[in-house]
Amino acid sequence: MTSGPWLASPVVSTQWLYDHLGADDLVIVDATVFVASLPGGTHGYVSGHEQYIIEGHVPGSVFADLIDEFSDSTGPYPFTRPDAAQFSSAAASLGIGNGSTVVVYDAAVGQWAARLWWLFRAFGYDDVAVLDGGLTKWRAEERETDVGHVEPIASAGFTVEERPELWADKASIEAVVRGDESAALVCSLPPAEFSGEAGSRARRGHIPGSLSAPAGRLVSRESNALLPTAALSETFAPALAQERVITYCAGGIAAASSALALTLLGHTNVAIYDNSLNEWAADAGAPLVSSAN
């Protein structure tokens, strides 16, 4: 049972976090990752740690390395989820114990924070929330930030209890596409990637039968906070009607934004296809729908 501030929702407001700064057993985590363009039109990923140090962060927040520490860097695709031992070690190294209240944010539209939030849930820990609007909203409200590195004091340990039902694999997606299993498929990629008009993969498009719910369109352009529940409900209406929902993107990051929104709307049977289109599109026999000519 947590000994930190109580969380009533999978998201907290900037005012809630401001009111609880300095609270016992509250761990605030910056999970920012940046997408970097590489030669040849491809892209890679860069840790947001340098920006966290130089440009500032929410006071007292520690930095989480999603590229290596909270992902299996030896996995076949970027951001492959870590095993239980690695996750437990990474969480404890940030000062997180099983009594901590964890609030995660990023400097993007929340997808990186949502990914770490989902990892905690998938490893059996629910006392974690995403800061609604992230660092963008915090700064827009002219709230205090600190610069420099905050060195975590490692906790005595973090015990995990895996929830495999929060993940979907390729075989499960194949069963849904064949009609052997019932689930709504939600693609969280930008519209041009959903349609197949853009994308860095050799095979473009989306998995047949998918609903498009781009992560960047789940937040307000003005505030960077999640859209009102009525608007989110409209976006996810076809998926909310299904007993099970599986979200995906390229590698399970943007998909976490959809998983967060669905959870906020009260859906209790949501899974993320971890390797997403990085895996699916690599199989020449896996069907993709593309409207691009």
C-alpha atoms as a PDB file:
ATOM      1  CA  MET A   1       0.000   0.000   0.000  1.00  0.00           C
ATOM      2  CA  THR A   2       1.299   3.401  -0.977  1.00  0.00           C
ATOM      3  CA  SER A   3       2.534   5.784   1.681  1.00  0.00           C
ATOM      4  CA  GLY A   4       2.664   8.687  -0.767  1.00  0.00           C
ATOM      5  CA  PRO A   5      -0.162  10.979  -1.928  1.00  0.00           C
ATOM      6  CA  TRP A   6      -3.309   9.178  -3.054  1.00  0.00           C
ATOM      7  CA  LEU A   7      -4.067   9.019  -6.776  1.00  0.00           C
ATOM      8  CA  ALA A   8      -7.694   9.146  -7.856  1.00  0.00           C
ATOM      9  CA  SER A   9      -6.994   8.827 -11.580  1.00  0.00           C
ATOM     10  CA  PRO A  10      -4.358   7.636 -14.051  1.00  0.00           C
ATOM     11  CA  VAL A  11      -3.653  11.315 -14.770  1.00  0.00           C
ATOM     12  CA  VAL A  12      -2.990  14.227 -12.419  1.00  0.00           C
ATOM     13  CA  SER A  13      -3.207  17.936 -13.128  1.00  0.00           C
ATOM     14  CA  THR A  14      -0.343  20.397 -12.918  1.00  0.00           C
ATOM     15  CA  GLN A  15      -2.101  21.971  -9.937  1.00  0.00           C
ATOM     16  CA  TRP A  16      -2.277  18.605  -8.147  1.00  0.00           C
ATOM     17  CA  LEU A  17       1.437  18.082  -8.675  1.00  0.00           C
ATOM     18  CA  TYR A  18       2.273  21.629  -7.592  1.00  0.00           C
ATOM     19  CA  ASP A  19       0.256  21.140  -4.409  1.00  0.00           C
ATOM     20  CA  HIS A  20       2.111  17.903  -3.606  1.00  0.00           C
ATOM     21  CA  LEU A  21       5.699  18.914  -4.439  1.00  0.00           C
ATOM     22  CA  GLY A  22       7.973  17.697  -1.665  1.00  0.00           C
ATOM     23  CA  ALA A  23       5.471  15.179  -0.302  1.00  0.00           C
ATOM     24  CA  ASP A  24       6.869  12.064   1.351  1.00  0.00           C
ATOM     25  CA  ASP A  25       7.170   9.049  -0.957  1.00  0.00           C
ATOM     26  CA  LEU A  26       6.263  11.036  -4.060  1.00  0.00           C
ATOM     27  CA  VAL A  27       8.636  10.293  -6.940  1.00  0.00           C
ATOM     28  CA  ILE A  28       8.372  12.557 -10.000  1.00  0.00           C
ATOM     29  CA  VAL A  29       9.901  11.144 -13.161  1.00  0.00           C
ATOM     30  CA  ASP A  30      10.879  12.830 -16.443  1.00  0.00           C
ATOM     31  CA  ALA A  31      10.669  10.185 -19.173  1.00  0.00           C
ATOM     32  CA  THR A  32      11.417  12.326 -22.229  1.00  0.00           C
ATOM     33  CA  VAL A  33      12.875  10.844 -25.406  1.00  0.00           C
ATOM     34  CA  PHE A  34      13.440  12.774 -28.625  1.00  0.00           C
ATOM     35  CA  VAL A  35      13.177  11.528 -32.196  1.00  0.00           C
ATOM     36  CA  ALA A  36      16.249  12.460 -34.233  1.00  0.00           C
ATOM     37  CA  SER A  37      16.575  12.478 -38.017  1.00  0.00           C
ATOM     38  CA  LEU A  38      19.350  10.301 -39.403  1.00  0.00           C
ATOM     39  CA  PRO A  39      21.043  10.216 -42.812  1.00  0.00           C
ATOM     40  CA  GLY A  40      19.012   8.473 -45.476  1.00  0.00           C
ATOM     41  CA  GLY A  41      15.676   9.735 -44.195  1.00  0.00           C
ATOM     42  CA  THR A  42      15.495   7.355 -41.264  1.00  0.00           C
ATOM     43  CA  HIS A  43      15.202   8.301 -37.621  1.00  0.00           C
ATOM     44  CA  GLY A  44      16.590   7.313 -34.270  1.00  0.00           C
ATOM     45  CA  TYR A  45      16.056   8.152 -30.622  1.00  0.00           C
ATOM     46  CA  VAL A  46      17.936  10.441 -28.253  1.00  0.00           C
ATOM     47  CA  SER A  47      17.580  10.575 -24.486  1.00  0.00           C
ATOM     48  CA  GLY A  48      16.044  13.758 -23.098  1.00  0.00           C
ATOM     49  CA  HIS A  49      18.516  13.770 -20.207  1.00  0.00           C
ATOM     50  CA  GLU A  50      20.587  16.635 -21.600  1.00  0.00           C
ATOM     51  CA  GLN A  51      17.526  18.846 -21.978  1.00  0.00           C
ATOM     52  CA  TYR A  52      16.400  17.823 -18.495  1.00  0.00           C
ATOM     53  CA  ILE A  53      19.735  19.035 -17.094  1.00  0.00           C
ATOM     54  CA  ILE A  54      20.210  22.210 -19.146  1.00  0.00           C
ATOM     55  CA  GLU A  55      16.713  23.476 -19.903  1.00  0.00           C
ATOM     56  CA  GLY A  56      15.077  22.410 -16.678  1.00  0.00           C
ATOM     57  CA  HIS A  57      12.567  20.027 -15.174  1.00  0.00           C
ATOM     58  CA  VAL A  58       9.819  19.882 -12.602  1.00  0.00           C
ATOM     59  CA  PRO A  59      11.467  20.494  -9.205  1.00  0.00           C
ATOM     60  CA  GLY A  60      12.739  17.314  -7.606  1.00  0.00           C
ATOM     61  CA  SER A  61      12.103  15.108 -10.602  1.00  0.00           C
ATOM     62  CA  VAL A  62      14.491  12.305 -11.497  1.00  0.00           C
ATOM     63  CA  PHE A  63      15.212  11.169 -15.036  1.00  0.00           C
ATOM     64  CA  ALA A  64      14.224   7.789 -16.476  1.00  0.00           C
ATOM     65  CA  ASP A  65      16.150   6.369 -19.421  1.00  0.00           C
ATOM     66  CA  LEU A  66      13.496   4.688 -21.554  1.00  0.00           C
ATOM     67  CA  ILE A  67      15.972   3.824 -24.307  1.00  0.00           C
ATOM     68  CA  ASP A  68      18.205   1.507 -22.287  1.00  0.00           C
ATOM     69  CA  GLU A  69      17.192   1.216 -18.632  1.00  0.00           C
ATOM     70  CA  PHE A  70      13.451   0.748 -19.106  1.00  0.00           C
ATOM     71  CA  SER A  71      13.684  -1.181 -22.378  1.00  0.00           C
ATOM     72  CA  ASP A  72      15.448  -4.347 -23.438  1.00  0.00           C
ATOM     73  CA  SER A  73      18.260  -2.840 -25.488  1.00  0.00           C
ATOM     74  CA  THR A  74      19.152  -6.330 -26.758  1.00  0.00           C
ATOM     75  CA  GLY A  75      15.636  -6.865 -28.093  1.00  0.00           C
ATOM     76  CA  PRO A  76      14.879  -7.121 -31.808  1.00  0.00           C
ATOM     77  CA  TYR A  77      13.190  -3.718 -31.952  1.00  0.00           C
ATOM     78  CA  PRO A  78      13.600  -0.343 -30.206  1.00  0.00           C
ATOM     79  CA  PHE A  79      11.795  -0.085 -26.861  1.00  0.00           C
ATOM     80  CA  THR A  80      11.147  -3.794 -26.519  1.00  0.00           C
ATOM     81  CA  ARG A  81       9.738  -4.138 -23.013  1.00  0.00           C
ATOM     82  CA  PRO A  82      12.206  -5.227 -20.303  1.00  0.00           C
ATOM     83  CA  ASP A  83      11.864  -8.379 -18.255  1.00  0.00           C
ATOM     84  CA  ALA A  84      10.751  -8.278 -14.644  1.00  0.00           C
ATOM     85  CA  ALA A  85      14.258  -8.282 -13.174  1.00  0.00           C
ATOM     86  CA  GLN A  86      15.412  -5.363 -15.324  1.00  0.00           C
ATOM     87  CA  PHE A  87      12.288  -3.331 -14.626  1.00  0.00           C
ATOM     88  CA  SER A  88      12.520  -3.953 -10.898  1.00  0.00           C
ATOM     89  CA  SER A  89      16.140  -2.830 -10.847  1.00  0.00           C
ATOM     90  CA  ALA A  90      15.465   0.252 -12.989  1.00  0.00           C
ATOM     91  CA  ALA A  91      12.528   1.350 -10.822  1.00  0.00           C
ATOM     92  CA  ALA A  92      14.471   0.882  -7.588  1.00  0.00           C
ATOM     93  CA  SER A  93      17.404   2.870  -9.004  1.00  0.00           C
ATOM     94  CA  LEU A  94      15.087   5.878  -9.337  1.00  0.00           C
ATOM     95  CA  GLY A  95      14.168   5.666  -5.660  1.00  0.00           C
ATOM     96  CA  ILE A  96      10.839   3.971  -6.307  1.00  0.00           C
ATOM     97  CA  GLY A  97       9.629   1.419  -3.811  1.00  0.00           C
ATOM     98  CA  ASN A  98       6.312  -0.358  -3.429  1.00  0.00           C
ATOM     99  CA  GLY A  99       5.049   2.432  -1.173  1.00  0.00           C
ATOM    100  CA  SER A 100       5.858   5.229  -3.631  1.00  0.00           C
ATOM    101  CA  THR A 101       3.419   7.399  -5.513  1.00  0.00           C
ATOM    102  CA  VAL A 102       4.878   7.910  -8.983  1.00  0.00           C
ATOM    103  CA  VAL A 103       4.040  10.777 -11.343  1.00  0.00           C
ATOM    104  CA  VAL A 104       5.539  10.616 -14.827  1.00  0.00           C
ATOM    105  CA  TYR A 105       5.781  13.349 -17.449  1.00  0.00           C
ATOM    106  CA  ASP A 106       7.579  14.167 -20.671  1.00  0.00           C
ATOM    107  CA  ALA A 107       8.289  17.156 -22.901  1.00  0.00           C
ATOM    108  CA  ALA A 108       6.205  15.782 -25.789  1.00  0.00           C
ATOM    109  CA  VAL A 109       2.481  14.964 -26.042  1.00  0.00           C
ATOM    110  CA  GLY A 110       2.640  12.416 -23.234  1.00  0.00           C
ATOM    111  CA  GLN A 111       3.446   9.244 -25.153  1.00  0.00           C
ATOM    112  CA  TRP A 112       6.752   8.610 -23.354  1.00  0.00           C
ATOM    113  CA  ALA A 113       5.214   9.215 -19.953  1.00  0.00           C
ATOM    114  CA  ALA A 114       2.312   6.950 -20.890  1.00  0.00           C
ATOM    115  CA  ARG A 115       4.752   4.214 -21.910  1.00  0.00           C
ATOM    116  CA  LEU A 116       6.452   4.246 -18.519  1.00  0.00           C
ATOM    117  CA  TRP A 117       3.049   4.433 -16.813  1.00  0.00           C
ATOM    118  CA  TRP A 118       1.980   1.339 -18.754  1.00  0.00           C
ATOM    119  CA  LEU A 119       5.150  -0.534 -17.832  1.00  0.00           C
ATOM    120  CA  PHE A 120       4.455   0.062 -14.159  1.00  0.00           C
ATOM    121  CA  ARG A 121       0.897  -1.201 -14.558  1.00  0.00           C
ATOM    122  CA  ALA A 122       2.036  -4.219 -16.552  1.00  0.00           C
ATOM    123  CA  PHE A 123       4.409  -5.110 -13.736  1.00  0.00           C
ATOM    124  CA  GLY A 124       1.595  -4.928 -11.200  1.00  0.00           C
ATOM    125  CA  TYR A 125       1.918  -1.386  -9.837  1.00  0.00           C
ATOM    126  CA  ASP A 126      -1.004   1.040  -9.964  1.00  0.00           C
ATOM    127  CA  ASP A 127       0.160   3.933  -7.784  1.00  0.00           C
ATOM    128  CA  VAL A 128       1.408   5.791 -10.827  1.00  0.00           C
ATOM    129  CA  ALA A 129      -0.079   8.591 -12.931  1.00  0.00           C
ATOM    130  CA  VAL A 130       0.796  10.732 -15.934  1.00  0.00           C
ATOM    131  CA  LEU A 131       1.065  14.499 -15.546  1.00  0.00           C
ATOM    132  CA  ASP A 132      -1.665  15.882 -17.804  1.00  0.00           C
ATOM    133  CA  GLY A 133      -0.065  18.285 -20.276  1.00  0.00           C
ATOM    134  CA  GLY A 134       3.428  17.335 -19.172  1.00  0.00           C
ATOM    135  CA  LEU A 135       6.330  19.745 -19.023  1.00  0.00           C
ATOM    136  CA  THR A 136       4.817  21.858 -21.812  1.00  0.00           C
ATOM    137  CA  LYS A 137       1.767  22.755 -19.742  1.00  0.00           C
ATOM    138  CA  TRP A 138       3.828  23.156 -16.566  1.00  0.00           C
ATOM    139  CA  ARG A 139       6.052  25.723 -18.282  1.00  0.00           C
ATOM    140  CA  ALA A 140       3.150  27.493 -20.016  1.00  0.00           C
ATOM    141  CA  GLU A 141       1.685  28.145 -16.575  1.00  0.00           C
ATOM    142  CA  GLU A 142       5.025  29.681 -15.548  1.00  0.00           C
ATOM    143  CA  ARG A 143       5.551  27.199 -12.776  1.00  0.00           C
ATOM    144  CA  GLU A 144       8.999  26.805 -11.242  1.00  0.00           C
ATOM    145  CA  THR A 145      11.561  24.531 -12.869  1.00  0.00           C
ATOM    146  CA  ASP A 146      15.011  23.432 -11.736  1.00  0.00           C
ATOM    147  CA  VAL A 147      18.128  22.797 -13.785  1.00  0.00           C
ATOM    148  CA  GLY A 148      20.836  20.236 -13.174  1.00  0.00           C
ATOM    149  CA  HIS A 149      20.753  16.563 -12.411  1.00  0.00           C
ATOM    150  CA  VAL A 150      18.808  15.172  -9.454  1.00  0.00           C
ATOM    151  CA  GLU A 151      20.603  12.062  -8.229  1.00  0.00           C
ATOM    152  CA  PRO A 152      18.076   9.456  -7.085  1.00  0.00           C
ATOM    153  CA  ILE A 153      18.519   7.664  -3.782  1.00  0.00           C
ATOM    154  CA  ALA A 154      17.927   4.037  -4.674  1.00  0.00           C
ATOM    155  CA  SER A 155      15.094   2.331  -2.827  1.00  0.00           C
ATOM    156  CA  ALA A 156      15.504  -0.898  -0.882  1.00  0.00           C
ATOM    157  CA  GLY A 157      13.836  -2.689  -3.780  1.00  0.00           C
ATOM    158  CA  PHE A 158      10.801  -2.814  -6.008  1.00  0.00           C
ATOM    159  CA  THR A 159       8.717  -5.978  -6.194  1.00  0.00           C
ATOM    160  CA  VAL A 160       6.852  -6.712  -9.421  1.00  0.00           C
ATOM    161  CA  GLU A 161       3.895  -8.910 -10.247  1.00  0.00           C
ATOM    162  CA  GLU A 162       3.519  -9.365 -13.986  1.00  0.00           C
ATOM    163  CA  ARG A 163       0.201  -8.875 -15.772  1.00  0.00           C
ATOM    164  CA  PRO A 164       0.723 -10.597 -19.128  1.00  0.00           C
ATOM    165  CA  GLU A 165      -2.829  -9.768 -20.208  1.00  0.00           C
ATOM    166  CA  LEU A 166      -1.738  -6.148 -20.685  1.00  0.00           C
ATOM    167  CA  TRP A 167       0.360  -7.181 -23.685  1.00  0.00           C
ATOM    168  CA  ALA A 168      -0.582  -8.634 -27.053  1.00  0.00           C
ATOM    169  CA  ASP A 169       1.752 -10.520 -29.382  1.00  0.00           C
ATOM    170  CA  LYS A 170       1.790 -11.043 -33.141  1.00  0.00           C
ATOM    171  CA  ALA A 171      -0.098 -14.323 -32.915  1.00  0.00           C
ATOM    172  CA  SER A 172      -2.942 -12.583 -31.097  1.00  0.00           C
ATOM    173  CA  ILE A 173      -3.131  -9.881 -33.760  1.00  0.00           C
ATOM    174  CA  GLU A 174      -3.180 -12.531 -36.479  1.00  0.00           C
ATOM    175  CA  ALA A 175      -6.085 -14.232 -34.710  1.00  0.00           C
ATOM    176  CA  VAL A 176      -8.018 -10.948 -34.599  1.00  0.00           C
ATOM    177  CA  VAL A 177      -7.384 -10.282 -38.287  1.00  0.00           C
ATOM    178  CA  ARG A 178      -8.570 -13.823 -39.156  1.00  0.00           C
ATOM    179  CA  GLY A 179     -11.670 -13.360 -37.049  1.00  0.00           C
ATOM    180  CA  ASP A 180     -10.732 -16.123 -34.620  1.00  0.00           C
ATOM    181  CA  GLU A 181     -10.482 -13.663 -31.721  1.00  0.00           C
ATOM    182  CA  SER A 182     -12.609 -10.600 -31.010  1.00  0.00           C
ATOM    183  CA  ALA A 183     -10.888  -7.312 -30.248  1.00  0.00           C
ATOM    184  CA  ALA A 184     -10.796  -3.749 -31.500  1.00  0.00           C
ATOM    185  CA  LEU A 185      -7.464  -2.724 -33.026  1.00  0.00           C
ATOM    186  CA  VAL A 186      -6.437   0.904 -32.474  1.00  0.00           C
ATOM    187  CA  CYS A 187      -3.551   2.461 -34.425  1.00  0.00           C
ATOM    188  CA  SER A 188      -1.939   5.438 -32.679  1.00  0.00           C
ATOM    189  CA  LEU A 189       0.314   6.575 -35.510  1.00  0.00           C
ATOM    190  CA  PRO A 190      -0.114   9.892 -37.353  1.00  0.00           C
ATOM    191  CA  PRO A 191      -2.777   9.869 -40.109  1.00  0.00           C
ATOM    192  CA  ALA A 192      -0.234   9.836 -42.956  1.00  0.00           C
ATOM    193  CA  GLU A 193       1.389   6.720 -41.516  1.00  0.00           C
ATOM    194  CA  PHE A 194      -1.971   5.082 -40.924  1.00  0.00           C
ATOM    195  CA  SER A 195      -2.885   5.633 -44.566  1.00  0.00           C
ATOM    196  CA  GLY A 196       0.513   4.474 -45.795  1.00  0.00           C
ATOM    197  CA  GLU A 197       1.403   7.811 -47.368  1.00  0.00           C
ATOM    198  CA  ALA A 198       4.377   8.231 -45.023  1.00  0.00           C
ATOM    199  CA  GLY A 199       6.579   6.137 -42.790  1.00  0.00           C
ATOM    200  CA  SER A 200      10.112   4.779 -42.589  1.00  0.00           C
ATOM    201  CA  ARG A 201       9.189   1.101 -42.815  1.00  0.00           C
ATOM    202  CA  ALA A 202       9.592  -0.739 -46.122  1.00  0.00           C
ATOM    203  CA  ARG A 203       5.931  -1.770 -45.909  1.00  0.00           C
ATOM    204  CA  ARG A 204       3.508   0.980 -44.972  1.00  0.00           C
ATOM    205  CA  GLY A 205      -0.075   1.200 -43.837  1.00  0.00           C
ATOM    206  CA  HIS A 206      -2.134  -0.229 -40.989  1.00  0.00           C
ATOM    207  CA  ILE A 207      -3.363  -3.609 -39.826  1.00  0.00           C
ATOM    208  CA  PRO A 208      -6.732  -4.470 -41.409  1.00  0.00           C
ATOM    209  CA  GLY A 209      -9.767  -3.414 -39.404  1.00  0.00           C
ATOM    210  CA  SER A 210      -7.913  -0.814 -37.337  1.00  0.00           C
ATOM    211  CA  LEU A 211      -9.336   2.392 -35.929  1.00  0.00           C
ATOM    212  CA  SER A 212      -7.126   5.476 -36.332  1.00  0.00           C
ATOM    213  CA  ALA A 213      -6.508   7.398 -33.094  1.00  0.00           C
ATOM    214  CA  PRO A 214      -3.263   9.395 -33.507  1.00  0.00           C
ATOM    215  CA  ALA A 215      -1.538  10.068 -30.193  1.00  0.00           C
ATOM    216  CA  GLY A 216      -0.934  13.706 -31.134  1.00  0.00           C
ATOM    217  CA  ARG A 217      -4.658  14.276 -31.614  1.00  0.00           C
ATOM    218  CA  LEU A 218      -5.616  13.054 -28.158  1.00  0.00           C
ATOM    219  CA  VAL A 219      -4.329  16.277 -26.599  1.00  0.00           C
ATOM    220  CA  SER A 220      -5.313  19.917 -26.952  1.00  0.00           C
ATOM    221  CA  ARG A 221      -3.109  22.003 -29.245  1.00  0.00           C
ATOM    222  CA  GLU A 222      -3.512  24.920 -26.873  1.00  0.00           C
ATOM    223  CA  SER A 223      -2.752  23.279 -23.533  1.00  0.00           C
ATOM    224  CA  ASN A 224      -1.128  19.944 -24.444  1.00  0.00           C
ATOM    225  CA  ALA A 225      -3.509  18.329 -21.942  1.00  0.00           C
ATOM    226  CA  LEU A 226      -5.731  15.401 -22.829  1.00  0.00           C
ATOM    227  CA  LEU A 227      -8.961  16.314 -24.579  1.00  0.00           C
ATOM    228  CA  PRO A 228     -12.191  16.272 -22.550  1.00  0.00           C
ATOM    229  CA  THR A 229     -13.641  12.827 -21.986  1.00  0.00           C
ATOM    230  CA  ALA A 230     -16.529  13.539 -24.371  1.00  0.00           C
ATOM    231  CA  ALA A 231     -14.108  14.168 -27.225  1.00  0.00           C
ATOM    232  CA  LEU A 232     -12.011  11.119 -26.338  1.00  0.00           C
ATOM    233  CA  SER A 233     -15.151   8.982 -26.162  1.00  0.00           C
ATOM    234  CA  GLU A 234     -16.090  10.102 -29.657  1.00  0.00           C
ATOM    235  CA  THR A 235     -12.642   9.222 -31.005  1.00  0.00           C
ATOM    236  CA  PHE A 236     -12.645   5.772 -29.433  1.00  0.00           C
ATOM    237  CA  ALA A 237     -16.372   5.030 -29.775  1.00  0.00           C
ATOM    238  CA  PRO A 238     -16.011   1.941 -32.029  1.00  0.00           C
ATOM    239  CA  ALA A 239     -13.299   0.510 -29.764  1.00  0.00           C
ATOM    240  CA  LEU A 240     -15.196   1.234 -26.543  1.00  0.00           C
ATOM    241  CA  ALA A 241     -18.004  -0.960 -27.843  1.00  0.00           C
ATOM    242  CA  GLN A 242     -15.654  -3.969 -27.917  1.00  0.00           C
ATOM    243  CA  GLU A 243     -14.875  -6.107 -24.878  1.00  0.00           C
ATOM    244  CA  ARG A 244     -11.137  -6.056 -25.607  1.00  0.00           C
ATOM    245  CA  VAL A 245      -8.984  -3.365 -27.220  1.00  0.00           C
ATOM    246  CA  ILE A 246      -5.432  -3.757 -28.533  1.00  0.00           C
ATOM    247  CA  THR A 247      -3.477  -0.593 -29.292  1.00  0.00           C
ATOM    248  CA  TYR A 248      -0.417  -0.422 -31.499  1.00  0.00           C
ATOM    249  CA  CYS A 249       1.856   2.009 -33.346  1.00  0.00           C
ATOM    250  CA  ALA A 250       5.412   1.481 -34.587  1.00  0.00           C
ATOM    251  CA  GLY A 251       6.974   0.203 -31.378  1.00  0.00           C
ATOM    252  CA  GLY A 252       4.495   0.439 -28.518  1.00  0.00           C
ATOM    253  CA  ILE A 253       5.097   4.070 -27.517  1.00  0.00           C
ATOM    254  CA  ALA A 254       2.305   6.128 -29.100  1.00  0.00           C
ATOM    255  CA  ALA A 255       0.087   3.115 -28.431  1.00  0.00           C
ATOM    256  CA  ALA A 256       0.498   3.837 -24.729  1.00  0.00           C
ATOM    257  CA  SER A 257      -1.215   7.219 -25.200  1.00  0.00           C
ATOM    258  CA  SER A 258      -4.286   5.438 -26.534  1.00  0.00           C
ATOM    259  CA  ALA A 259      -4.079   2.887 -23.724  1.00  0.00           C
ATOM    260  CA  LEU A 260      -3.993   5.744 -21.210  1.00  0.00           C
ATOM    261  CA  ALA A 261      -6.992   7.468 -22.784  1.00  0.00           C
ATOM    262  CA  LEU A 262      -8.984   4.229 -22.915  1.00  0.00           C
ATOM    263  CA  THR A 263      -8.179   3.517 -19.269  1.00  0.00           C
ATOM    264  CA  LEU A 264      -9.230   7.041 -18.337  1.00  0.00           C
ATOM    265  CA  LEU A 265     -12.530   6.390 -20.128  1.00  0.00           C
ATOM    266  CA  GLY A 266     -13.067   3.319 -17.966  1.00  0.00           C
ATOM    267  CA  HIS A 267     -12.156   0.491 -20.340  1.00  0.00           C
ATOM    268  CA  THR A 268     -10.623  -2.301 -18.266  1.00  0.00           C
ATOM    269  CA  ASN A 269      -9.515  -4.752 -20.968  1.00  0.00           C
ATOM    270  CA  VAL A 270      -6.790  -2.982 -22.928  1.00  0.00           C
ATOM    271  CA  ALA A 271      -3.509  -4.421 -24.205  1.00  0.00           C
ATOM    272  CA  ILE A 272      -0.564  -3.011 -26.147  1.00  0.00           C
ATOM    273  CA  TYR A 273       1.014  -4.832 -29.074  1.00  0.00           C
ATOM    274  CA  ASP A 274       4.556  -4.219 -27.898  1.00  0.00           C
ATOM    275  CA  ASN A 275       6.521  -4.652 -31.114  1.00  0.00           C
ATOM    276  CA  SER A 276       3.692  -3.207 -33.185  1.00  0.00           C
ATOM    277  CA  LEU A 277       4.346  -2.429 -36.858  1.00  0.00           C
ATOM    278  CA  ASN A 278       8.103  -2.795 -36.461  1.00  0.00           C
ATOM    279  CA  GLU A 279       7.413  -6.516 -36.185  1.00  0.00           C
ATOM    280  CA  TRP A 280       4.218  -6.800 -38.210  1.00  0.00           C
ATOM    281  CA  ALA A 281       5.500  -4.940 -41.289  1.00  0.00           C
ATOM    282  CA  ALA A 282       8.724  -6.956 -41.275  1.00  0.00           C
ATOM    283  CA  ASP A 283       6.680 -10.048 -42.152  1.00  0.00           C
ATOM    284  CA  ALA A 284       5.975  -9.937 -45.882  1.00  0.00           C
ATOM    285  CA  GLY A 285       2.957 -12.164 -45.348  1.00  0.00           C
ATOM    286  CA  ALA A 286       1.298  -9.987 -42.702  1.00  0.00           C
ATOM    287  CA  PRO A 287      -1.501  -7.947 -44.321  1.00  0.00           C
ATOM    288  CA  LEU A 288      -1.382  -4.167 -44.362  1.00  0.00           C
ATOM    289  CA  VAL A 289      -3.946  -1.718 -45.676  1.00  0.00           C
ATOM    290  CA  SER A 290      -2.628   1.316 -47.546  1.00  0.00           C
ATOM    291  CA  SER A 291      -4.485   4.025 -49.449  1.00  0.00           C
ATOM    292  CA  ALA A 292      -1.277   5.444 -50.912  1.00  0.00           C
ATOM    293  CA  ASN A 293      -0.728   4.979 -54.606  1.00  0.00           C
END
